[in-house]
Amino acid sequence: MQTDQIVKLTREGIGAVIGARQEGRKGPYAGKDRRHRPRWPFPGTVEIWPCGGDGRQNWYGTLRDLSEDGLGMRCDVPFIPGTRIDIALHVPEASFCGQAIVRYCQPTEKDYLVGIQFQFPA
């Protein structure tokens, strides 16, 4: 991957990637939840670091769904809701880097379902 393909995490950037993938596809996940924007099935990889860390400690997750406000992923380690993290989101179109906060973590038989809310700069 070229470094010019790594971009700052913004609502507009995520929205553009989602919009390009939506064309000709079925709608977002159905169901009631607390999200303000629809979430879309979306494969990719998520890298996670402690917020402000030195980069030596990191974890990986498998992206499940994506919205303009956050993402859902599967991960082998649990995260405490409310934890601030640095993330890199890798999809074929680009890699996005920024900060986020863990909003949800639920164990499954094999791993954890984790909900992440993006934190956009003011």
C-alpha atoms as a PDB file:
ATOM      1  CA  MET A   1       0.000   0.000   0.000  1.00  0.00           C
ATOM      2  CA  GLN A   2       1.253   3.460  -0.879  1.00  0.00           C
ATOM      3  CA  THR A   3       1.342   6.050   1.893  1.00  0.00           C
ATOM      4  CA  ASP A   4      -0.845   8.372  -0.185  1.00  0.00           C
ATOM      5  CA  GLN A   5      -3.620   5.790   0.278  1.00  0.00           C
ATOM      6  CA  ILE A   6      -3.550   6.328   4.071  1.00  0.00           C
ATOM      7  CA  VAL A   7      -5.977   9.113   4.897  1.00  0.00           C
ATOM      8  CA  LYS A   8      -7.295  10.811   7.995  1.00  0.00           C
ATOM      9  CA  LEU A   9     -10.491   9.287   9.335  1.00  0.00           C
ATOM     10  CA  THR A  10     -13.366  11.634   8.440  1.00  0.00           C
ATOM     11  CA  ARG A  11     -17.118  11.169   8.145  1.00  0.00           C
ATOM     12  CA  GLU A  12     -16.920  12.352   4.527  1.00  0.00           C
ATOM     13  CA  GLY A  13     -14.173   9.884   3.629  1.00  0.00           C
ATOM     14  CA  ILE A  14     -16.015   6.942   5.159  1.00  0.00           C
ATOM     15  CA  GLY A  15     -19.259   8.134   3.534  1.00  0.00           C
ATOM     16  CA  ALA A  16     -17.598   8.191   0.103  1.00  0.00           C
ATOM     17  CA  VAL A  17     -16.332   4.608   0.468  1.00  0.00           C
ATOM     18  CA  ILE A  18     -19.727   3.396   1.684  1.00  0.00           C
ATOM     19  CA  GLY A  19     -21.521   5.272  -1.116  1.00  0.00           C
ATOM     20  CA  ALA A  20     -19.328   3.719  -3.787  1.00  0.00           C
ATOM     21  CA  ARG A  21     -20.058   0.240  -2.449  1.00  0.00           C
ATOM     22  CA  GLN A  22     -23.826   0.769  -1.995  1.00  0.00           C
ATOM     23  CA  GLU A  23     -24.621   1.048  -5.670  1.00  0.00           C
ATOM     24  CA  GLY A  24     -26.570  -2.031  -6.744  1.00  0.00           C
ATOM     25  CA  ARG A  25     -26.448  -3.693  -3.328  1.00  0.00           C
ATOM     26  CA  LYS A  26     -29.174  -4.557  -0.895  1.00  0.00           C
ATOM     27  CA  GLY A  27     -29.871  -2.150   1.938  1.00  0.00           C
ATOM     28  CA  PRO A  28     -28.206  -1.723   5.312  1.00  0.00           C
ATOM     29  CA  TYR A  29     -28.681  -4.102   8.222  1.00  0.00           C
ATOM     30  CA  ALA A  30     -32.239  -4.044   9.457  1.00  0.00           C
ATOM     31  CA  GLY A  31     -33.307  -3.853  13.056  1.00  0.00           C
ATOM     32  CA  LYS A  32     -33.629  -1.364  15.848  1.00  0.00           C
ATOM     33  CA  ASP A  33     -30.482  -0.066  17.437  1.00  0.00           C
ATOM     34  CA  ARG A  34     -29.012   3.143  18.773  1.00  0.00           C
ATOM     35  CA  ARG A  35     -27.162   4.107  15.607  1.00  0.00           C
ATOM     36  CA  HIS A  36     -27.820   7.444  13.960  1.00  0.00           C
ATOM     37  CA  ARG A  37     -26.710   6.232  10.522  1.00  0.00           C
ATOM     38  CA  PRO A  38     -27.226   2.898   8.742  1.00  0.00           C
ATOM     39  CA  ARG A  39     -24.525   0.277   8.959  1.00  0.00           C
ATOM     40  CA  TRP A  40     -23.440  -1.709   5.921  1.00  0.00           C
ATOM     41  CA  PRO A  41     -21.803  -5.143   5.671  1.00  0.00           C
ATOM     42  CA  PHE A  42     -18.189  -4.365   4.887  1.00  0.00           C
ATOM     43  CA  PRO A  43     -15.117  -6.642   4.919  1.00  0.00           C
ATOM     44  CA  GLY A  44     -11.744  -5.302   5.974  1.00  0.00           C
ATOM     45  CA  THR A  45      -9.145  -5.227   8.723  1.00  0.00           C
ATOM     46  CA  VAL A  46      -8.976  -3.011  11.794  1.00  0.00           C
ATOM     47  CA  GLU A  47      -5.771  -2.264  13.706  1.00  0.00           C
ATOM     48  CA  ILE A  48      -6.113  -0.995  17.259  1.00  0.00           C
ATOM     49  CA  TRP A  49      -3.601   0.698  19.581  1.00  0.00           C
ATOM     50  CA  PRO A  50      -3.937   2.179  23.054  1.00  0.00           C
ATOM     51  CA  CYS A  51      -4.696   5.886  22.624  1.00  0.00           C
ATOM     52  CA  GLY A  52      -1.427   7.818  22.739  1.00  0.00           C
ATOM     53  CA  GLY A  53       0.647   4.635  22.974  1.00  0.00           C
ATOM     54  CA  ASP A  54       4.094   4.154  21.492  1.00  0.00           C
ATOM     55  CA  GLY A  55       2.913   1.640  18.869  1.00  0.00           C
ATOM     56  CA  ARG A  56       4.490  -1.423  20.460  1.00  0.00           C
ATOM     57  CA  GLN A  57       1.164  -2.832  21.669  1.00  0.00           C
ATOM     58  CA  ASN A  58      -1.551  -3.428  19.095  1.00  0.00           C
ATOM     59  CA  TRP A  59      -4.425  -5.734  18.227  1.00  0.00           C
ATOM     60  CA  TYR A  60      -6.260  -6.717  15.055  1.00  0.00           C
ATOM     61  CA  GLY A  61      -9.936  -7.107  14.326  1.00  0.00           C
ATOM     62  CA  THR A  62     -12.018  -8.260  11.377  1.00  0.00           C
ATOM     63  CA  LEU A  63     -14.396  -5.606  10.103  1.00  0.00           C
ATOM     64  CA  ARG A  64     -18.042  -6.738   9.921  1.00  0.00           C
ATOM     65  CA  ASP A  65     -19.995  -3.571   9.250  1.00  0.00           C
ATOM     66  CA  LEU A  66     -19.352   0.108   8.715  1.00  0.00           C
ATOM     67  CA  SER A  67     -21.294   3.340   9.068  1.00  0.00           C
ATOM     68  CA  GLU A  68     -20.296   6.989   8.855  1.00  0.00           C
ATOM     69  CA  ASP A  69     -20.154   7.052  12.663  1.00  0.00           C
ATOM     70  CA  GLY A  70     -18.410   3.784  13.505  1.00  0.00           C
ATOM     71  CA  LEU A  71     -17.880   0.114  12.862  1.00  0.00           C
ATOM     72  CA  GLY A  72     -18.554  -3.364  14.151  1.00  0.00           C
ATOM     73  CA  MET A  73     -15.761  -5.919  14.256  1.00  0.00           C
ATOM     74  CA  ARG A  74     -14.783  -9.311  15.603  1.00  0.00           C
ATOM     75  CA  CYS A  75     -11.678  -9.461  17.768  1.00  0.00           C
ATOM     76  CA  ASP A  76      -9.828 -12.108  19.783  1.00  0.00           C
ATOM     77  CA  VAL A  77      -9.449  -9.808  22.810  1.00  0.00           C
ATOM     78  CA  PRO A  78     -12.082  -7.954  24.827  1.00  0.00           C
ATOM     79  CA  PHE A  79     -12.177  -4.170  25.173  1.00  0.00           C
ATOM     80  CA  ILE A  80     -13.780  -2.226  27.993  1.00  0.00           C
ATOM     81  CA  PRO A  81     -16.584   0.064  26.760  1.00  0.00           C
ATOM     82  CA  GLY A  82     -15.513   3.680  27.111  1.00  0.00           C
ATOM     83  CA  THR A  83     -11.891   2.928  26.212  1.00  0.00           C
ATOM     84  CA  ARG A  84     -10.353   5.466  23.821  1.00  0.00           C
ATOM     85  CA  ILE A  85      -8.239   3.905  21.079  1.00  0.00           C
ATOM     86  CA  ASP A  86      -6.223   4.795  18.006  1.00  0.00           C
ATOM     87  CA  ILE A  87      -7.358   2.839  14.959  1.00  0.00           C
ATOM     88  CA  ALA A  88      -6.473   2.142  11.354  1.00  0.00           C
ATOM     89  CA  LEU A  89      -9.255   0.839   9.143  1.00  0.00           C
ATOM     90  CA  HIS A  90      -8.057  -1.004   6.026  1.00  0.00           C
ATOM     91  CA  VAL A  91     -10.468  -1.558   3.138  1.00  0.00           C
ATOM     92  CA  PRO A  92      -9.490  -2.082  -0.516  1.00  0.00           C
ATOM     93  CA  GLU A  93     -10.245   1.539  -1.419  1.00  0.00           C
ATOM     94  CA  ALA A  94      -8.039   3.125   1.261  1.00  0.00           C
ATOM     95  CA  SER A  95      -6.716   2.980   4.797  1.00  0.00           C
ATOM     96  CA  PHE A  96      -8.135   5.415   7.334  1.00  0.00           C
ATOM     97  CA  CYS A  97      -6.356   6.404  10.544  1.00  0.00           C
ATOM     98  CA  GLY A  98      -7.862   8.179  13.516  1.00  0.00           C
ATOM     99  CA  GLN A  99      -9.260   7.875  17.001  1.00  0.00           C
ATOM    100  CA  ALA A 100     -12.313   6.091  18.325  1.00  0.00           C
ATOM    101  CA  ILE A 101     -14.027   4.941  21.471  1.00  0.00           C
ATOM    102  CA  VAL A 102     -15.215   1.427  22.313  1.00  0.00           C
ATOM    103  CA  ARG A 103     -18.987   1.466  22.808  1.00  0.00           C
ATOM    104  CA  TYR A 104     -19.817  -2.246  23.010  1.00  0.00           C
ATOM    105  CA  CYS A 105     -18.069  -5.553  23.638  1.00  0.00           C
ATOM    106  CA  GLN A 106     -19.917  -8.871  23.754  1.00  0.00           C
ATOM    107  CA  PRO A 107     -18.292 -12.309  24.019  1.00  0.00           C
ATOM    108  CA  THR A 108     -19.251 -15.019  21.530  1.00  0.00           C
ATOM    109  CA  GLU A 109     -18.270 -18.689  21.484  1.00  0.00           C
ATOM    110  CA  LYS A 110     -15.019 -17.928  19.626  1.00  0.00           C
ATOM    111  CA  ASP A 111     -14.224 -14.232  20.024  1.00  0.00           C
ATOM    112  CA  TYR A 112     -15.752 -10.830  20.821  1.00  0.00           C
ATOM    113  CA  LEU A 113     -18.131  -8.561  18.928  1.00  0.00           C
ATOM    114  CA  VAL A 114     -16.914  -5.011  19.394  1.00  0.00           C
ATOM    115  CA  GLY A 115     -18.692  -1.770  18.488  1.00  0.00           C
ATOM    116  CA  ILE A 116     -16.518   1.267  17.819  1.00  0.00           C
ATOM    117  CA  GLN A 117     -17.600   4.917  17.500  1.00  0.00           C
ATOM    118  CA  PHE A 118     -15.315   7.173  15.470  1.00  0.00           C
ATOM    119  CA  GLN A 119     -14.063  10.345  17.145  1.00  0.00           C
ATOM    120  CA  PHE A 120     -13.733  13.053  14.514  1.00  0.00           C
ATOM    121  CA  PRO A 121     -11.632  16.179  15.141  1.00  0.00           C
ATOM    122  CA  ALA A 122     -13.658  19.294  15.891  1.00  0.00           C
END
